[in-house]
């Protein structure tokens, strides 16, 4: 009988989850200070270098364990599949581009709202996953259904539900995942 071994199968996704967990613990230990300093984008001065860093790092911060677990469940489920198909650099790019776009647009259009969490990355992964069986010249029905269900839900909630959830980052993450998925797969 062959011995089983544990493998580090998805380095970008596992590292992202580990850093996010460390950021969560640090946030608890500092009573929220570390999130505000590094893991949350808010309308801070453009003269501060940290403003630009937070455009990327806000996806690592989470408001609590429930928020963290909800995002990491999707990321750890979908991320390894995507990293295997597209490679580590592409997945790192998806995370970085999603963070940058959601961070900048939140800064510009929602100056009174702080943003933290990997929800935009989750939605990018969800829509990117629906492109895994994409063939040139075709639009998968799964993509259409996922887009209608997930993006539609965010639009409805954004209009009718007042909560602490950034529906715009979910929608933007979905758009990023869709655009990257389409562009990656139309070439193959």
N, C-alpha and C. Protein backbone atom coordinates (compact mmCIF):
# COMPACT_ATOMS: atom_id res chain seq x y z
N UNK A 1 0.84 -1.19 0.00
CA UNK A 1 0.00 0.00 0.00
C UNK A 1 0.89 1.25 0.00
N UNK A 2 0.55 2.18 -0.87
CA UNK A 2 1.32 3.40 -1.01
C UNK A 2 1.04 4.34 0.16
N UNK A 3 2.09 5.02 0.64
CA UNK A 3 1.93 5.99 1.72
C UNK A 3 1.29 7.27 1.19
N UNK A 4 0.40 7.81 1.96
CA UNK A 4 -0.22 9.09 1.61
C UNK A 4 0.66 10.22 2.13
N UNK A 5 0.73 11.28 1.37
CA UNK A 5 1.47 12.44 1.83
C UNK A 5 0.64 13.70 1.58
N UNK A 6 0.86 14.65 2.41
CA UNK A 6 0.18 15.93 2.30
C UNK A 6 0.99 16.80 1.34
N UNK A 7 0.30 17.41 0.37
CA UNK A 7 0.98 18.25 -0.61
C UNK A 7 0.50 19.69 -0.52
N UNK A 8 1.40 20.58 -0.80
CA UNK A 8 1.11 22.01 -0.85
C UNK A 8 0.66 22.30 -2.28
N UNK A 9 -0.59 21.92 -2.58
CA UNK A 9 -1.08 21.85 -3.96
C UNK A 9 -1.40 23.17 -4.62
N UNK A 10 -1.57 24.20 -3.86
CA UNK A 10 -2.01 25.48 -4.42
C UNK A 10 -1.31 26.61 -3.68
N UNK A 11 -0.05 26.89 -4.01
CA UNK A 11 0.74 27.82 -3.20
C UNK A 11 0.16 29.22 -3.06
N UNK A 12 -0.37 29.78 -4.12
CA UNK A 12 -0.90 31.15 -4.03
C UNK A 12 -2.15 31.17 -3.14
N UNK A 13 -3.06 30.25 -3.37
CA UNK A 13 -4.31 30.23 -2.61
C UNK A 13 -4.03 29.91 -1.14
N UNK A 14 -3.19 28.95 -0.87
CA UNK A 14 -2.88 28.59 0.52
C UNK A 14 -2.14 29.72 1.24
N UNK A 15 -1.23 30.37 0.55
CA UNK A 15 -0.52 31.51 1.14
C UNK A 15 -1.48 32.67 1.39
N UNK A 16 -2.37 32.92 0.44
CA UNK A 16 -3.38 33.97 0.61
C UNK A 16 -4.24 33.69 1.84
N UNK A 17 -4.70 32.45 1.98
CA UNK A 17 -5.53 32.08 3.14
C UNK A 17 -4.74 32.22 4.44
N UNK A 18 -3.48 31.82 4.44
CA UNK A 18 -2.65 31.91 5.65
C UNK A 18 -2.40 33.36 6.05
N UNK A 19 -2.08 34.21 5.08
CA UNK A 19 -1.86 35.62 5.38
C UNK A 19 -3.15 36.28 5.86
N UNK A 20 -4.27 35.92 5.24
CA UNK A 20 -5.57 36.46 5.67
C UNK A 20 -5.88 36.04 7.10
N UNK A 21 -5.57 34.78 7.43
CA UNK A 21 -5.79 34.32 8.81
C UNK A 21 -4.89 35.07 9.79
N UNK A 22 -3.63 35.26 9.42
CA UNK A 22 -2.71 36.02 10.28
C UNK A 22 -3.20 37.46 10.45
N UNK A 23 -3.71 38.06 9.37
CA UNK A 23 -4.25 39.42 9.45
C UNK A 23 -5.46 39.48 10.38
N UNK A 24 -6.29 38.45 10.34
CA UNK A 24 -7.47 38.38 11.21
C UNK A 24 -7.05 38.31 12.68
N UNK A 25 -6.09 37.44 12.97
CA UNK A 25 -5.60 37.30 14.35
C UNK A 25 -4.97 38.62 14.81
N UNK A 26 -4.15 39.22 13.95
CA UNK A 26 -3.52 40.50 14.27
C UNK A 26 -4.58 41.57 14.51
N UNK A 27 -5.66 41.55 13.73
CA UNK A 27 -6.73 42.52 13.92
C UNK A 27 -7.36 42.36 15.31
N UNK A 28 -7.58 41.12 15.73
CA UNK A 28 -8.11 40.89 17.08
C UNK A 28 -7.14 41.35 18.15
N UNK A 29 -5.87 41.05 17.97
CA UNK A 29 -4.86 41.41 18.98
C UNK A 29 -4.66 42.92 19.10
N UNK A 30 -4.90 43.65 18.02
CA UNK A 30 -4.71 45.10 18.03
C UNK A 30 -6.03 45.87 18.14
N UNK A 31 -7.10 45.16 18.44
CA UNK A 31 -8.43 45.77 18.59
C UNK A 31 -8.83 46.59 17.35
N UNK A 32 -8.52 46.07 16.18
CA UNK A 32 -8.93 46.70 14.94
C UNK A 32 -7.92 47.64 14.31
N UNK A 33 -6.86 47.96 15.04
CA UNK A 33 -5.88 48.92 14.52
C UNK A 33 -5.18 48.41 13.26
N UNK A 34 -4.80 47.14 13.24
CA UNK A 34 -4.07 46.61 12.08
C UNK A 34 -4.93 46.62 10.81
N UNK A 35 -6.21 46.35 10.96
CA UNK A 35 -7.08 46.43 9.78
C UNK A 35 -7.09 47.86 9.23
N UNK A 36 -7.27 48.82 10.13
CA UNK A 36 -7.32 50.21 9.68
C UNK A 36 -6.00 50.65 9.08
N UNK A 37 -4.90 50.16 9.62
CA UNK A 37 -3.59 50.56 9.13
C UNK A 37 -3.24 49.90 7.80
N UNK A 38 -3.52 48.59 7.67
CA UNK A 38 -3.02 47.83 6.52
C UNK A 38 -4.06 47.06 5.70
N UNK A 39 -5.15 46.63 6.33
CA UNK A 39 -6.04 45.66 5.68
C UNK A 39 -7.45 46.17 5.44
N UNK A 40 -7.55 47.47 5.23
CA UNK A 40 -8.85 48.08 4.96
C UNK A 40 -8.58 49.34 4.15
N UNK A 41 -9.29 49.50 3.05
CA UNK A 41 -9.13 50.72 2.28
C UNK A 41 -10.22 51.70 2.69
N UNK A 42 -9.83 52.92 2.88
CA UNK A 42 -10.74 53.98 3.29
C UNK A 42 -10.22 55.27 2.68
N UNK A 43 -10.98 56.32 2.78
CA UNK A 43 -10.63 57.57 2.10
C UNK A 43 -9.54 58.32 2.87
N UNK A 44 -8.34 57.76 2.84
CA UNK A 44 -7.19 58.41 3.48
C UNK A 44 -6.51 59.32 2.47
N UNK A 45 -5.58 60.09 2.93
CA UNK A 45 -4.90 61.04 2.05
C UNK A 45 -4.08 60.31 0.98
N UNK A 46 -4.08 60.86 -0.21
CA UNK A 46 -3.29 60.29 -1.30
C UNK A 46 -1.79 60.56 -1.12
N UNK A 47 -1.43 61.38 -0.14
CA UNK A 47 -0.02 61.64 0.16
C UNK A 47 0.61 60.50 0.95
N UNK A 48 -0.21 59.65 1.52
CA UNK A 48 0.31 58.53 2.32
C UNK A 48 0.57 57.31 1.44
N UNK A 49 1.78 56.76 1.49
CA UNK A 49 2.07 55.53 0.72
C UNK A 49 1.17 54.37 1.13
N UNK A 50 0.71 54.36 2.37
CA UNK A 50 -0.16 53.27 2.83
C UNK A 50 -1.50 53.26 2.10
N UNK A 51 -1.95 54.41 1.63
CA UNK A 51 -3.19 54.45 0.86
C UNK A 51 -3.08 53.53 -0.35
N UNK A 52 -1.96 53.58 -1.04
CA UNK A 52 -1.75 52.77 -2.25
C UNK A 52 -1.54 51.30 -1.91
N UNK A 53 -0.87 51.04 -0.83
CA UNK A 53 -0.67 49.65 -0.39
C UNK A 53 -2.01 49.03 -0.04
N UNK A 54 -2.86 49.79 0.65
CA UNK A 54 -4.17 49.27 1.07
C UNK A 54 -5.10 48.97 -0.11
N UNK A 55 -4.86 49.61 -1.27
CA UNK A 55 -5.65 49.27 -2.46
C UNK A 55 -5.50 47.79 -2.79
N UNK A 56 -4.36 47.21 -2.45
CA UNK A 56 -4.12 45.79 -2.68
C UNK A 56 -4.40 44.93 -1.44
N UNK A 57 -3.99 45.41 -0.26
CA UNK A 57 -4.02 44.57 0.93
C UNK A 57 -5.38 44.48 1.63
N UNK A 58 -6.33 45.30 1.23
CA UNK A 58 -7.64 45.24 1.89
C UNK A 58 -8.31 43.88 1.71
N UNK A 59 -7.93 43.14 0.66
CA UNK A 59 -8.53 41.82 0.43
C UNK A 59 -8.05 40.79 1.46
N UNK A 60 -7.00 41.11 2.20
CA UNK A 60 -6.48 40.20 3.23
C UNK A 60 -7.18 40.39 4.57
N UNK A 61 -7.79 41.53 4.80
CA UNK A 61 -8.44 41.82 6.08
C UNK A 61 -9.88 41.33 6.11
N UNK A 62 -10.33 40.98 7.31
CA UNK A 62 -11.72 40.56 7.50
C UNK A 62 -12.22 41.12 8.83
N UNK A 63 -13.52 41.37 8.88
CA UNK A 63 -14.09 42.00 10.07
C UNK A 63 -14.25 41.03 11.24
N UNK A 64 -14.23 39.74 10.97
CA UNK A 64 -14.37 38.74 12.04
C UNK A 64 -14.25 37.33 11.47
N UNK A 65 -14.35 36.34 12.36
CA UNK A 65 -14.19 34.95 11.93
C UNK A 65 -15.26 34.52 10.93
N UNK A 66 -16.49 34.95 11.14
CA UNK A 66 -17.58 34.57 10.23
C UNK A 66 -17.31 35.10 8.82
N UNK A 67 -16.89 36.34 8.74
CA UNK A 67 -16.56 36.96 7.45
C UNK A 67 -15.40 36.21 6.80
N UNK A 68 -14.36 35.92 7.58
CA UNK A 68 -13.19 35.20 7.09
C UNK A 68 -13.56 33.79 6.60
N UNK A 69 -14.30 33.05 7.40
CA UNK A 69 -14.66 31.68 7.04
C UNK A 69 -15.54 31.65 5.80
N UNK A 70 -16.48 32.57 5.70
CA UNK A 70 -17.34 32.63 4.52
C UNK A 70 -16.54 32.83 3.24
N UNK A 71 -15.56 33.73 3.28
CA UNK A 71 -14.74 33.97 2.09
C UNK A 71 -13.76 32.83 1.84
N UNK A 72 -13.10 32.35 2.88
CA UNK A 72 -12.08 31.31 2.68
C UNK A 72 -12.69 29.98 2.23
N UNK A 73 -13.91 29.70 2.61
CA UNK A 73 -14.55 28.45 2.16
C UNK A 73 -14.61 28.43 0.64
N UNK A 74 -15.02 29.53 0.04
CA UNK A 74 -15.07 29.61 -1.43
C UNK A 74 -13.67 29.64 -2.04
N UNK A 75 -12.80 30.42 -1.46
CA UNK A 75 -11.45 30.55 -2.02
C UNK A 75 -10.71 29.21 -1.98
N UNK A 76 -10.83 28.50 -0.87
CA UNK A 76 -10.14 27.20 -0.76
C UNK A 76 -10.81 26.12 -1.60
N UNK A 77 -12.07 26.29 -1.91
CA UNK A 77 -12.77 25.34 -2.78
C UNK A 77 -12.45 25.60 -4.25
N UNK A 78 -12.55 26.83 -4.68
CA UNK A 78 -12.38 27.17 -6.09
C UNK A 78 -10.93 27.46 -6.49
N UNK A 79 -10.18 28.05 -5.58
CA UNK A 79 -8.82 28.49 -5.88
C UNK A 79 -7.89 27.40 -6.40
N UNK A 80 -7.82 26.24 -5.74
CA UNK A 80 -6.91 25.20 -6.25
C UNK A 80 -7.25 24.72 -7.66
N UNK A 81 -8.53 24.63 -7.97
CA UNK A 81 -8.95 24.24 -9.33
C UNK A 81 -8.45 25.28 -10.34
N UNK A 82 -8.64 26.54 -10.01
CA UNK A 82 -8.23 27.61 -10.90
C UNK A 82 -6.70 27.69 -11.00
N UNK A 83 -6.03 27.53 -9.87
CA UNK A 83 -4.56 27.60 -9.89
C UNK A 83 -3.96 26.45 -10.69
N UNK A 84 -4.58 25.30 -10.62
CA UNK A 84 -4.11 24.17 -11.42
C UNK A 84 -4.32 24.42 -12.92
N UNK A 85 -5.46 25.01 -13.27
CA UNK A 85 -5.77 25.24 -14.69
C UNK A 85 -4.96 26.40 -15.27
N UNK A 86 -4.90 27.51 -14.54
CA UNK A 86 -4.32 28.73 -15.09
C UNK A 86 -2.90 29.03 -14.60
N UNK A 87 -2.49 28.43 -13.50
CA UNK A 87 -1.16 28.68 -12.95
C UNK A 87 -1.19 29.69 -11.81
N UNK A 88 -0.13 29.64 -11.02
CA UNK A 88 -0.04 30.48 -9.83
C UNK A 88 0.04 31.97 -10.16
N UNK A 89 0.79 32.33 -11.21
CA UNK A 89 0.93 33.75 -11.54
C UNK A 89 -0.39 34.37 -11.96
N UNK A 90 -1.18 33.63 -12.70
CA UNK A 90 -2.48 34.15 -13.13
C UNK A 90 -3.39 34.36 -11.92
N UNK A 91 -3.41 33.41 -11.01
CA UNK A 91 -4.27 33.53 -9.82
C UNK A 91 -3.80 34.69 -8.94
N UNK A 92 -2.50 34.84 -8.79
CA UNK A 92 -1.98 35.99 -8.06
C UNK A 92 -2.40 37.28 -8.75
N UNK A 93 -2.37 37.29 -10.08
CA UNK A 93 -2.82 38.46 -10.84
C UNK A 93 -4.30 38.74 -10.64
N UNK A 94 -5.12 37.70 -10.63
CA UNK A 94 -6.57 37.88 -10.40
C UNK A 94 -6.80 38.52 -9.04
N UNK A 95 -6.09 38.03 -8.02
CA UNK A 95 -6.24 38.58 -6.67
C UNK A 95 -5.80 40.04 -6.65
N UNK A 96 -4.63 40.34 -7.23
CA UNK A 96 -4.10 41.70 -7.22
C UNK A 96 -4.98 42.66 -8.01
N UNK A 97 -5.40 42.26 -9.20
CA UNK A 97 -6.23 43.14 -10.04
C UNK A 97 -7.58 43.38 -9.37
N UNK A 98 -8.17 42.34 -8.80
CA UNK A 98 -9.44 42.50 -8.10
C UNK A 98 -9.29 43.45 -6.92
N UNK A 99 -8.23 43.27 -6.14
CA UNK A 99 -7.99 44.17 -5.01
C UNK A 99 -7.81 45.60 -5.46
N UNK A 100 -6.99 45.81 -6.48
CA UNK A 100 -6.72 47.15 -6.97
C UNK A 100 -7.98 47.83 -7.50
N UNK A 101 -8.73 47.14 -8.34
CA UNK A 101 -9.93 47.74 -8.93
C UNK A 101 -10.98 48.03 -7.86
N UNK A 102 -11.26 47.06 -6.99
CA UNK A 102 -12.28 47.30 -5.95
C UNK A 102 -11.81 48.37 -4.98
N UNK A 103 -10.51 48.40 -4.67
CA UNK A 103 -9.98 49.40 -3.75
C UNK A 103 -10.08 50.81 -4.31
N UNK A 104 -9.66 50.98 -5.55
CA UNK A 104 -9.69 52.32 -6.16
C UNK A 104 -11.12 52.80 -6.36
N UNK A 105 -11.98 51.93 -6.88
CA UNK A 105 -13.36 52.36 -7.13
C UNK A 105 -14.11 52.64 -5.83
N UNK A 106 -13.83 51.87 -4.78
CA UNK A 106 -14.43 52.17 -3.47
C UNK A 106 -13.94 53.52 -2.97
N UNK A 107 -12.66 53.79 -3.13
CA UNK A 107 -12.07 55.06 -2.72
C UNK A 107 -12.73 56.24 -3.44
N UNK A 108 -12.94 56.09 -4.74
CA UNK A 108 -13.49 57.18 -5.54
C UNK A 108 -14.99 57.37 -5.31
N UNK A 109 -15.76 56.28 -5.38
CA UNK A 109 -17.22 56.39 -5.40
C UNK A 109 -17.89 56.25 -4.02
N UNK A 110 -17.19 55.68 -3.06
CA UNK A 110 -17.76 55.51 -1.73
C UNK A 110 -16.79 56.04 -0.68
N UNK A 111 -16.55 57.35 -0.67
CA UNK A 111 -15.54 57.93 0.21
C UNK A 111 -15.85 57.78 1.70
N UNK A 112 -17.07 57.53 2.05
CA UNK A 112 -17.44 57.38 3.47
C UNK A 112 -17.52 55.93 3.90
N UNK A 113 -17.08 55.01 3.04
CA UNK A 113 -17.19 53.58 3.33
C UNK A 113 -15.82 52.92 3.30
N UNK A 114 -15.47 52.27 4.40
CA UNK A 114 -14.24 51.48 4.45
C UNK A 114 -14.53 50.12 3.84
N UNK A 115 -13.51 49.51 3.25
CA UNK A 115 -13.70 48.23 2.58
C UNK A 115 -12.62 47.26 3.01
N UNK A 116 -13.03 46.07 3.46
CA UNK A 116 -12.06 45.02 3.74
C UNK A 116 -12.71 43.67 3.46
N UNK A 117 -11.87 42.71 3.12
CA UNK A 117 -12.35 41.36 2.89
C UNK A 117 -12.10 40.90 1.47
N UNK A 118 -12.17 39.58 1.31
CA UNK A 118 -11.86 38.94 0.03
C UNK A 118 -13.10 38.62 -0.79
N UNK A 119 -14.21 39.26 -0.51
CA UNK A 119 -15.44 38.95 -1.23
C UNK A 119 -15.33 39.22 -2.73
N UNK A 120 -14.64 40.29 -3.10
CA UNK A 120 -14.44 40.56 -4.52
C UNK A 120 -13.63 39.45 -5.18
N UNK A 121 -12.62 38.94 -4.47
CA UNK A 121 -11.82 37.83 -4.98
C UNK A 121 -12.69 36.58 -5.11
N UNK A 122 -13.56 36.35 -4.14
CA UNK A 122 -14.47 35.20 -4.20
C UNK A 122 -15.32 35.28 -5.47
N UNK A 123 -15.90 36.43 -5.73
CA UNK A 123 -16.74 36.57 -6.92
C UNK A 123 -15.93 36.47 -8.21
N UNK A 124 -14.69 36.97 -8.19
CA UNK A 124 -13.82 36.80 -9.35
C UNK A 124 -13.57 35.31 -9.60
N UNK A 125 -13.30 34.56 -8.53
CA UNK A 125 -13.07 33.11 -8.65
C UNK A 125 -14.33 32.39 -9.14
N UNK A 126 -15.48 32.77 -8.62
CA UNK A 126 -16.73 32.11 -9.01
C UNK A 126 -16.97 32.28 -10.51
N UNK A 127 -16.85 33.52 -11.00
CA UNK A 127 -17.09 33.74 -12.43
C UNK A 127 -15.96 33.16 -13.28
N UNK A 128 -14.73 33.21 -12.80
CA UNK A 128 -13.61 32.61 -13.53
C UNK A 128 -13.79 31.09 -13.64
N UNK A 129 -14.30 30.47 -12.59
CA UNK A 129 -14.53 29.02 -12.62
C UNK A 129 -15.54 28.64 -13.69
N UNK A 130 -16.52 29.47 -13.92
CA UNK A 130 -17.52 29.13 -14.93
C UNK A 130 -16.95 29.15 -16.34
N UNK A 131 -15.73 29.65 -16.51
CA UNK A 131 -15.07 29.66 -17.82
C UNK A 131 -14.13 28.47 -18.02
N UNK A 132 -14.04 27.57 -17.06
CA UNK A 132 -13.05 26.49 -17.17
C UNK A 132 -13.30 25.56 -18.35
N UNK A 133 -14.54 25.47 -18.82
CA UNK A 133 -14.81 24.60 -19.97
C UNK A 133 -15.17 25.42 -21.22
N UNK A 134 -14.74 26.65 -21.23
CA UNK A 134 -15.02 27.58 -22.32
C UNK A 134 -14.30 27.16 -23.60
N UNK A 135 -14.98 27.29 -24.72
CA UNK A 135 -14.38 27.06 -26.04
C UNK A 135 -14.58 28.33 -26.86
N UNK A 136 -13.60 28.64 -27.68
CA UNK A 136 -13.65 29.85 -28.48
C UNK A 136 -14.94 29.91 -29.31
N UNK A 137 -15.58 31.07 -29.30
CA UNK A 137 -16.80 31.25 -30.07
C UNK A 137 -18.06 30.81 -29.35
N UNK A 138 -17.92 30.38 -28.10
CA UNK A 138 -19.08 29.92 -27.33
C UNK A 138 -19.14 30.65 -25.99
N UNK A 139 -20.33 30.79 -25.47
CA UNK A 139 -20.53 31.30 -24.12
C UNK A 139 -21.21 30.19 -23.34
N UNK A 140 -20.54 29.67 -22.30
CA UNK A 140 -21.14 28.57 -21.54
C UNK A 140 -22.43 28.98 -20.82
N UNK A 141 -23.43 28.14 -20.87
CA UNK A 141 -24.69 28.38 -20.15
C UNK A 141 -24.40 28.53 -18.65
N UNK A 142 -23.43 27.75 -18.15
CA UNK A 142 -23.09 27.87 -16.72
C UNK A 142 -22.63 29.28 -16.39
N UNK A 143 -21.87 29.90 -17.29
CA UNK A 143 -21.44 31.27 -17.04
C UNK A 143 -22.64 32.21 -16.98
N UNK A 144 -23.56 32.06 -17.92
CA UNK A 144 -24.76 32.92 -17.95
C UNK A 144 -25.57 32.76 -16.66
N UNK A 145 -25.77 31.52 -16.24
CA UNK A 145 -26.54 31.27 -15.01
C UNK A 145 -25.83 31.80 -13.77
N UNK A 146 -24.53 31.56 -13.69
CA UNK A 146 -23.77 32.05 -12.54
C UNK A 146 -23.80 33.57 -12.51
N UNK A 147 -23.62 34.19 -13.66
CA UNK A 147 -23.65 35.66 -13.72
C UNK A 147 -25.01 36.19 -13.28
N UNK A 148 -26.08 35.59 -13.79
CA UNK A 148 -27.42 36.05 -13.42
C UNK A 148 -27.67 35.86 -11.92
N UNK A 149 -27.33 34.69 -11.41
CA UNK A 149 -27.60 34.38 -10.00
C UNK A 149 -26.76 35.25 -9.07
N UNK A 150 -25.43 35.22 -9.24
CA UNK A 150 -24.56 35.91 -8.30
C UNK A 150 -24.56 37.42 -8.49
N UNK A 151 -24.38 37.88 -9.70
CA UNK A 151 -24.35 39.33 -9.94
C UNK A 151 -25.74 39.92 -9.74
N UNK A 152 -26.77 39.22 -10.23
CA UNK A 152 -28.14 39.68 -10.03
C UNK A 152 -28.49 39.84 -8.56
N UNK A 153 -28.08 38.87 -7.76
CA UNK A 153 -28.33 38.93 -6.32
C UNK A 153 -27.65 40.17 -5.72
N UNK A 154 -26.44 40.47 -6.15
CA UNK A 154 -25.72 41.61 -5.60
C UNK A 154 -26.38 42.93 -6.01
N UNK A 155 -26.87 43.01 -7.21
CA UNK A 155 -27.56 44.22 -7.66
C UNK A 155 -28.83 44.42 -6.83
N UNK A 156 -29.62 43.36 -6.68
CA UNK A 156 -30.86 43.45 -5.89
C UNK A 156 -30.54 43.83 -4.45
N UNK A 157 -29.57 43.17 -3.84
CA UNK A 157 -29.22 43.48 -2.45
C UNK A 157 -28.65 44.90 -2.33
N UNK A 158 -27.90 45.33 -3.33
CA UNK A 158 -27.35 46.68 -3.30
C UNK A 158 -28.41 47.74 -3.35
N UNK A 159 -29.51 47.46 -4.02
CA UNK A 159 -30.59 48.43 -4.15
C UNK A 159 -31.56 48.36 -2.97
N UNK A 160 -31.91 47.13 -2.53
CA UNK A 160 -32.99 46.96 -1.56
C UNK A 160 -32.55 46.62 -0.14
N UNK A 161 -31.33 46.17 0.06
CA UNK A 161 -30.90 45.74 1.40
C UNK A 161 -29.81 46.68 1.89
N UNK A 162 -30.00 47.23 3.05
CA UNK A 162 -28.99 48.09 3.65
C UNK A 162 -28.26 47.29 4.72
N UNK A 163 -27.05 46.87 4.38
CA UNK A 163 -26.24 46.11 5.32
C UNK A 163 -24.80 46.60 5.22
N UNK A 164 -23.91 45.90 5.84
CA UNK A 164 -22.52 46.29 5.85
C UNK A 164 -21.72 45.59 4.76
N UNK A 165 -22.37 45.08 3.76
CA UNK A 165 -21.71 44.31 2.72
C UNK A 165 -21.52 45.19 1.50
N UNK A 166 -20.34 45.14 0.94
CA UNK A 166 -20.05 45.93 -0.26
C UNK A 166 -20.43 45.16 -1.50
N UNK A 167 -21.65 45.36 -1.93
CA UNK A 167 -22.13 44.68 -3.14
C UNK A 167 -21.35 45.13 -4.37
N UNK A 168 -20.88 46.36 -4.35
CA UNK A 168 -20.10 46.84 -5.50
C UNK A 168 -18.81 46.06 -5.67
N UNK A 169 -18.15 45.69 -4.56
CA UNK A 169 -16.92 44.91 -4.70
C UNK A 169 -17.22 43.50 -5.21
N UNK A 170 -18.37 42.96 -4.84
CA UNK A 170 -18.78 41.65 -5.36
C UNK A 170 -19.00 41.73 -6.87
N UNK A 171 -19.72 42.75 -7.29
CA UNK A 171 -20.00 42.92 -8.72
C UNK A 171 -18.70 43.16 -9.49
N UNK A 172 -17.85 44.04 -8.97
CA UNK A 172 -16.58 44.31 -9.64
C UNK A 172 -15.70 43.07 -9.70
N UNK A 173 -15.67 42.30 -8.61
CA UNK A 173 -14.91 41.05 -8.61
C UNK A 173 -15.42 40.09 -9.66
N UNK A 174 -16.73 40.01 -9.79
CA UNK A 174 -17.33 39.16 -10.83
C UNK A 174 -16.96 39.62 -12.22
N UNK A 175 -16.94 40.93 -12.42
CA UNK A 175 -16.55 41.47 -13.73
C UNK A 175 -15.08 41.15 -14.02
N UNK A 176 -14.23 41.32 -13.02
CA UNK A 176 -12.80 41.00 -13.20
C UNK A 176 -12.63 39.53 -13.56
N UNK A 177 -13.28 38.64 -12.80
CA UNK A 177 -13.19 37.20 -13.07
C UNK A 177 -13.71 36.84 -14.45
N UNK A 178 -14.79 37.48 -14.85
CA UNK A 178 -15.37 37.23 -16.18
C UNK A 178 -14.43 37.69 -17.29
N UNK A 179 -13.90 38.88 -17.14
CA UNK A 179 -13.02 39.43 -18.17
C UNK A 179 -11.74 38.60 -18.29
N UNK A 180 -11.16 38.25 -17.16
CA UNK A 180 -9.93 37.45 -17.20
C UNK A 180 -10.23 36.06 -17.74
N UNK A 181 -11.33 35.44 -17.31
CA UNK A 181 -11.70 34.12 -17.79
C UNK A 181 -11.94 34.11 -19.28
N UNK A 182 -12.62 35.11 -19.77
CA UNK A 182 -12.90 35.20 -21.21
C UNK A 182 -11.59 35.35 -21.98
N UNK A 183 -10.75 36.28 -21.54
CA UNK A 183 -9.50 36.54 -22.26
C UNK A 183 -8.53 35.37 -22.21
N UNK A 184 -8.46 34.68 -21.09
CA UNK A 184 -7.57 33.51 -20.98
C UNK A 184 -8.03 32.38 -21.87
N UNK A 185 -9.32 32.19 -21.96
CA UNK A 185 -9.84 31.03 -22.66
C UNK A 185 -10.09 31.25 -24.15
N UNK A 186 -10.24 32.49 -24.58
CA UNK A 186 -10.46 32.72 -26.01
C UNK A 186 -9.18 32.44 -26.80
N UNK A 187 -8.03 32.51 -26.11
CA UNK A 187 -6.76 32.25 -26.76
C UNK A 187 -6.49 30.78 -26.96
N UNK A 188 -7.11 29.93 -26.11
CA UNK A 188 -6.81 28.50 -26.19
C UNK A 188 -7.75 27.75 -27.08
